[in-house]
C-alpha atoms as a PDB file:
ATOM      1  CA  MET A   1       0.000   0.000   0.000  1.00  0.00           C
ATOM      2  CA  GLU A   2       1.270   3.494  -0.902  1.00  0.00           C
ATOM      3  CA  PRO A   3       1.544   6.099   1.857  1.00  0.00           C
ATOM      4  CA  VAL A   4      -1.085   8.840   1.914  1.00  0.00           C
ATOM      5  CA  GLN A   5       0.204  12.198   0.711  1.00  0.00           C
ATOM      6  CA  ASP A   6       0.112  14.869   3.362  1.00  0.00           C
ATOM      7  CA  HIS A   7       0.067  17.810   0.969  1.00  0.00           C
ATOM      8  CA  VAL A   8      -2.268  16.866  -1.870  1.00  0.00           C
ATOM      9  CA  GLU A   9      -3.452  20.482  -2.225  1.00  0.00           C
ATOM     10  CA  HIS A  10       0.155  21.682  -2.373  1.00  0.00           C
ATOM     11  CA  ASP A  11       0.985  19.246  -5.157  1.00  0.00           C
ATOM     12  CA  ALA A  12      -2.102  20.267  -7.123  1.00  0.00           C
ATOM     13  CA  VAL A  13      -1.270  23.959  -6.736  1.00  0.00           C
ATOM     14  CA  VAL A  14       2.324  23.356  -7.855  1.00  0.00           C
ATOM     15  CA  ASP A  15       0.924  21.688 -10.988  1.00  0.00           C
ATOM     16  CA  LEU A  16      -1.269  24.748 -11.587  1.00  0.00           C
ATOM     17  CA  ILE A  17       1.661  27.130 -11.137  1.00  0.00           C
ATOM     18  CA  ARG A  18       3.705  25.152 -13.641  1.00  0.00           C
ATOM     19  CA  ARG A  19       1.124  25.451 -16.424  1.00  0.00           C
ATOM     20  CA  ASP A  20       2.667  27.218 -19.387  1.00  0.00           C
ATOM     21  CA  ALA A  21       1.049  30.387 -20.639  1.00  0.00           C
ATOM     22  CA  ASP A  22      -0.053  29.941 -24.244  1.00  0.00           C
ATOM     23  CA  PRO A  23      -1.515  32.959 -26.093  1.00  0.00           C
ATOM     24  CA  ALA A  24      -4.025  30.799 -27.999  1.00  0.00           C
ATOM     25  CA  GLU A  25      -5.211  29.128 -24.796  1.00  0.00           C
ATOM     26  CA  HIS A  26      -5.445  32.529 -23.074  1.00  0.00           C
ATOM     27  CA  ASP A  27      -7.685  33.726 -25.908  1.00  0.00           C
ATOM     28  CA  ALA A  28      -9.829  30.583 -25.614  1.00  0.00           C
ATOM     29  CA  ILE A  29     -10.227  31.066 -21.838  1.00  0.00           C
ATOM     30  CA  ARG A  30     -11.124  34.748 -22.289  1.00  0.00           C
ATOM     31  CA  GLU A  31     -13.653  33.989 -25.046  1.00  0.00           C
ATOM     32  CA  LEU A  32     -15.281  31.218 -23.016  1.00  0.00           C
ATOM     33  CA  TRP A  33     -15.529  33.518 -19.969  1.00  0.00           C
ATOM     34  CA  LYS A  34     -17.207  36.137 -22.189  1.00  0.00           C
ATOM     35  CA  LYS A  35     -19.708  33.537 -23.470  1.00  0.00           C
ATOM     36  CA  HIS A  36     -20.391  32.430 -19.894  1.00  0.00           C
ATOM     37  CA  SER A  37     -20.906  36.013 -18.698  1.00  0.00           C
ATOM     38  CA  ILE A  38     -23.145  36.984 -21.603  1.00  0.00           C
ATOM     39  CA  ALA A  39     -25.281  33.869 -21.111  1.00  0.00           C
ATOM     40  CA  GLU A  40     -25.559  34.670 -17.395  1.00  0.00           C
ATOM     41  CA  ASP A  41     -26.516  38.300 -18.078  1.00  0.00           C
ATOM     42  CA  ASN A  42     -29.154  37.085 -20.554  1.00  0.00           C
ATOM     43  CA  ARG A  43     -30.402  34.405 -18.108  1.00  0.00           C
ATOM     44  CA  TYR A  44     -29.713  31.803 -20.832  1.00  0.00           C
ATOM     45  CA  LEU A  45     -28.925  28.673 -18.819  1.00  0.00           C
ATOM     46  CA  PRO A  46     -28.219  26.318 -21.767  1.00  0.00           C
ATOM     47  CA  GLY A  47     -25.520  28.713 -23.044  1.00  0.00           C
ATOM     48  CA  LEU A  48     -24.057  29.085 -19.577  1.00  0.00           C
ATOM     49  CA  ILE A  49     -24.039  25.318 -18.896  1.00  0.00           C
ATOM     50  CA  ALA A  50     -22.319  24.774 -22.267  1.00  0.00           C
ATOM     51  CA  THR A  51     -19.226  26.547 -20.848  1.00  0.00           C
ATOM     52  CA  LEU A  52     -18.852  23.964 -18.041  1.00  0.00           C
ATOM     53  CA  THR A  53     -17.378  20.474 -17.749  1.00  0.00           C
ATOM     54  CA  ASP A  54     -19.814  17.626 -17.063  1.00  0.00           C
ATOM     55  CA  ASP A  55     -18.322  17.258 -13.570  1.00  0.00           C
ATOM     56  CA  CYS A  56     -18.348  20.979 -12.739  1.00  0.00           C
ATOM     57  CA  VAL A  57     -18.726  22.125  -9.127  1.00  0.00           C
ATOM     58  CA  TYR A  58     -20.282  25.343  -7.855  1.00  0.00           C
ATOM     59  CA  GLU A  59     -19.247  26.198  -4.320  1.00  0.00           C
ATOM     60  CA  LEU A  60     -19.993  28.994  -1.867  1.00  0.00           C
ATOM     61  CA  ALA A  61     -16.689  29.012  -0.009  1.00  0.00           C
ATOM     62  CA  GLN A  62     -17.951  30.581   3.209  1.00  0.00           C
ATOM     63  CA  THR A  63     -20.858  28.191   3.701  1.00  0.00           C
ATOM     64  CA  GLY A  64     -19.671  25.038   1.982  1.00  0.00           C
ATOM     65  CA  HIS A  65     -22.823  24.822  -0.153  1.00  0.00           C
ATOM     66  CA  ARG A  66     -22.009  22.795  -3.293  1.00  0.00           C
ATOM     67  CA  TRP A  67     -23.796  21.956  -6.506  1.00  0.00           C
ATOM     68  CA  GLU A  68     -22.235  19.283  -8.722  1.00  0.00           C
ATOM     69  CA  GLY A  69     -22.489  18.533 -12.436  1.00  0.00           C
ATOM     70  CA  HIS A  70     -24.576  20.270 -15.073  1.00  0.00           C
ATOM     71  CA  GLU A  71     -27.756  19.501 -13.146  1.00  0.00           C
ATOM     72  CA  GLY A  72     -26.248  21.069 -10.024  1.00  0.00           C
ATOM     73  CA  ALA A  73     -25.063  24.146 -11.925  1.00  0.00           C
ATOM     74  CA  ALA A  74     -28.558  24.579 -13.377  1.00  0.00           C
ATOM     75  CA  ARG A  75     -30.058  24.286  -9.866  1.00  0.00           C
ATOM     76  CA  PHE A  76     -27.541  26.834  -8.524  1.00  0.00           C
ATOM     77  CA  TYR A  77     -28.429  29.387 -11.199  1.00  0.00           C
ATOM     78  CA  THR A  78     -32.163  28.713 -11.058  1.00  0.00           C
ATOM     79  CA  LYS A  79     -32.171  29.248  -7.294  1.00  0.00           C
ATOM     80  CA  LEU A  80     -29.877  32.312  -7.485  1.00  0.00           C
ATOM     81  CA  LEU A  81     -31.897  33.977 -10.245  1.00  0.00           C
ATOM     82  CA  THR A  82     -35.152  33.197  -8.443  1.00  0.00           C
ATOM     83  CA  ALA A  83     -33.843  34.556  -5.140  1.00  0.00           C
ATOM     84  CA  PHE A  84     -32.388  37.669  -6.800  1.00  0.00           C
ATOM     85  CA  PRO A  85     -34.301  38.117 -10.084  1.00  0.00           C
ATOM     86  CA  ASP A  86     -32.726  41.524 -10.724  1.00  0.00           C
ATOM     87  CA  ILE A  87     -29.195  40.439  -9.765  1.00  0.00           C
ATOM     88  CA  HIS A  88     -26.518  42.484 -11.484  1.00  0.00           C
ATOM     89  CA  PHE A  89     -22.738  42.016 -11.529  1.00  0.00           C
ATOM     90  CA  ASP A  90     -20.466  45.022 -12.103  1.00  0.00           C
ATOM     91  CA  LEU A  91     -17.015  43.671 -12.888  1.00  0.00           C
ATOM     92  CA  THR A  92     -14.309  45.527 -10.933  1.00  0.00           C
ATOM     93  CA  ASP A  93     -11.243  43.343 -11.631  1.00  0.00           C
ATOM     94  CA  ILE A  94     -10.266  40.265 -13.606  1.00  0.00           C
ATOM     95  CA  VAL A  95      -7.229  38.019 -14.079  1.00  0.00           C
ATOM     96  CA  ILE A  96      -7.043  35.427 -16.849  1.00  0.00           C
ATOM     97  CA  GLY A  97      -4.308  32.828 -17.014  1.00  0.00           C
ATOM     98  CA  PRO A  98      -3.676  29.189 -17.853  1.00  0.00           C
ATOM     99  CA  GLN A  99      -5.356  28.185 -14.563  1.00  0.00           C
ATOM    100  CA  GLY A 100      -8.627  29.929 -15.463  1.00  0.00           C
ATOM    101  CA  VAL A 101     -10.281  33.210 -14.530  1.00  0.00           C
ATOM    102  CA  CYS A 102     -10.531  35.131 -11.277  1.00  0.00           C
ATOM    103  CA  GLU A 103     -12.990  38.004 -11.247  1.00  0.00           C
ATOM    104  CA  GLU A 104     -14.081  40.520  -8.662  1.00  0.00           C
ATOM    105  CA  ALA A 105     -17.478  42.188  -8.936  1.00  0.00           C
ATOM    106  CA  ARG A 106     -19.901  44.398  -7.095  1.00  0.00           C
ATOM    107  CA  VAL A 107     -23.253  42.615  -6.953  1.00  0.00           C
ATOM    108  CA  THR A 108     -26.684  44.110  -6.397  1.00  0.00           C
ATOM    109  CA  GLY A 109     -30.068  42.441  -6.259  1.00  0.00           C
ATOM    110  CA  THR A 110     -33.411  42.313  -4.498  1.00  0.00           C
ATOM    111  CA  HIS A 111     -33.809  39.264  -2.250  1.00  0.00           C
ATOM    112  CA  GLN A 112     -37.243  37.967  -3.304  1.00  0.00           C
ATOM    113  CA  ALA A 113     -37.101  34.195  -2.697  1.00  0.00           C
ATOM    114  CA  PRO A 114     -35.247  31.807  -0.369  1.00  0.00           C
ATOM    115  CA  TRP A 115     -31.500  31.502  -0.941  1.00  0.00           C
ATOM    116  CA  VAL A 116     -29.414  28.771   0.759  1.00  0.00           C
ATOM    117  CA  GLY A 117     -31.991  28.465   3.508  1.00  0.00           C
ATOM    118  CA  ILE A 118     -32.371  32.195   4.101  1.00  0.00           C
ATOM    119  CA  PRO A 119     -35.932  33.497   3.712  1.00  0.00           C
ATOM    120  CA  PRO A 120     -36.469  36.468   1.386  1.00  0.00           C
ATOM    121  CA  SER A 121     -36.076  39.916   2.942  1.00  0.00           C
ATOM    122  CA  GLY A 122     -37.466  41.976   0.060  1.00  0.00           C
ATOM    123  CA  GLU A 123     -34.467  44.283   0.448  1.00  0.00           C
ATOM    124  CA  HIS A 124     -32.291  45.560  -2.377  1.00  0.00           C
ATOM    125  CA  LEU A 125     -28.794  44.450  -1.348  1.00  0.00           C
ATOM    126  CA  ALA A 126     -25.215  45.057  -2.412  1.00  0.00           C
ATOM    127  CA  TRP A 127     -22.099  42.972  -1.812  1.00  0.00           C
ATOM    128  CA  ARG A 128     -18.793  42.115  -3.437  1.00  0.00           C
ATOM    129  CA  VAL A 129     -17.675  38.742  -4.738  1.00  0.00           C
ATOM    130  CA  VAL A 130     -14.481  37.123  -5.922  1.00  0.00           C
ATOM    131  CA  ILE A 131     -15.170  34.170  -8.193  1.00  0.00           C
ATOM    132  CA  PHE A 132     -12.659  31.586  -9.407  1.00  0.00           C
ATOM    133  CA  PHE A 133     -13.430  29.794 -12.678  1.00  0.00           C
ATOM    134  CA  PRO A 134     -10.935  26.898 -12.806  1.00  0.00           C
ATOM    135  CA  TRP A 135      -9.978  25.903 -16.365  1.00  0.00           C
ATOM    136  CA  ASP A 136      -9.873  22.343 -17.653  1.00  0.00           C
ATOM    137  CA  PRO A 137      -7.235  22.454 -20.422  1.00  0.00           C
ATOM    138  CA  GLU A 138      -8.268  19.079 -21.859  1.00  0.00           C
ATOM    139  CA  ALA A 139     -12.007  19.787 -22.036  1.00  0.00           C
ATOM    140  CA  ARG A 140     -11.355  23.496 -22.753  1.00  0.00           C
ATOM    141  CA  LEU A 141     -14.212  24.367 -20.395  1.00  0.00           C
ATOM    142  CA  PHE A 142     -14.593  25.722 -16.881  1.00  0.00           C
ATOM    143  CA  LYS A 143     -14.753  23.250 -13.988  1.00  0.00           C
ATOM    144  CA  GLY A 144     -17.308  25.398 -12.154  1.00  0.00           C
ATOM    145  CA  GLU A 145     -17.063  28.384  -9.837  1.00  0.00           C
ATOM    146  CA  LYS A 146     -15.838  28.965  -6.307  1.00  0.00           C
ATOM    147  CA  VAL A 147     -17.493  32.085  -4.893  1.00  0.00           C
ATOM    148  CA  TYR A 148     -16.198  34.213  -2.013  1.00  0.00           C
ATOM    149  CA  THR A 149     -18.133  37.199  -0.656  1.00  0.00           C
ATOM    150  CA  ASP A 150     -17.021  40.199   1.371  1.00  0.00           C
ATOM    151  CA  SER A 151     -19.963  39.805   3.706  1.00  0.00           C
ATOM    152  CA  ASP A 152     -21.860  36.929   5.190  1.00  0.00           C
ATOM    153  CA  VAL A 153     -24.643  37.520   2.671  1.00  0.00           C
ATOM    154  CA  TRP A 154     -25.089  33.777   2.125  1.00  0.00           C
ATOM    155  CA  SER A 155     -24.304  32.484   5.580  1.00  0.00           C
ATOM    156  CA  GLN A 156     -26.348  34.466   8.095  1.00  0.00           C
ATOM    157  CA  SER A 157     -29.139  32.723   9.903  1.00  0.00           C
ATOM    158  CA  ALA A 158     -32.746  33.385   9.052  1.00  0.00           C
ATOM    159  CA  GLY A 159     -34.106  36.618  10.461  1.00  0.00           C
ATOM    160  CA  ALA A 160     -30.745  38.398  10.604  1.00  0.00           C
ATOM    161  CA  PRO A 161     -29.971  41.223   8.173  1.00  0.00           C
ATOM    162  CA  LEU A 162     -28.810  39.575   4.963  1.00  0.00           C
ATOM    163  CA  ALA A 163     -26.265  42.090   3.701  1.00  0.00           C
ATOM    164  CA  VAL A 164     -25.470  45.747   3.607  1.00  0.00           C
ATOM    165  CA  PRO A 165     -28.041  47.723   1.615  1.00  0.00           C
ATOM    166  CA  PRO A 166     -26.597  49.794  -1.276  1.00  0.00           C
ATOM    167  CA  SER A 167     -26.560  52.869   1.005  1.00  0.00           C
ATOM    168  CA  GLY A 168     -23.608  51.238   2.774  1.00  0.00           C
ATOM    169  CA  ARG A 169     -25.376  51.148   6.129  1.00  0.00           C
ATOM    170  CA  ALA A 170     -26.650  47.993   7.745  1.00  0.00           C
ATOM    171  CA  GLY A 171     -30.392  48.025   8.510  1.00  0.00           C
END
């Protein structure tokens, strides 16, 4: 029996760091991210799902909520767009490389349906996100999204204020 590796994550990250930058692959990653973003803005789930590997994973890093595969990604977006039907992402930063895409955005939306167990507040909210889109160089698709927020917008218990309203002041 082989010994268990103690630093599996380290080894995987070293492999990511060692990926060579290729201008054609960079263009492919950027174009796929644009297709993904346009489909999301247009609420076109088939176009969005087409940018993802079959085994994609959507994860809310702070809460550990996960959705797996195309069916899971569709559930994630259906629930998100139902909870925040007017959700809007204003891109504030982006990095594209052979590992994928990392974007930062200011997000606004009105909380009108349950989201990750949190009942709707009816409030128009604002928060920031950093989203990693890991790239699968063989499939030439994204392996999902890992979402980080600057607030506990998706982790507070029911009844607590959900996020900071756009005015910048907590209710």
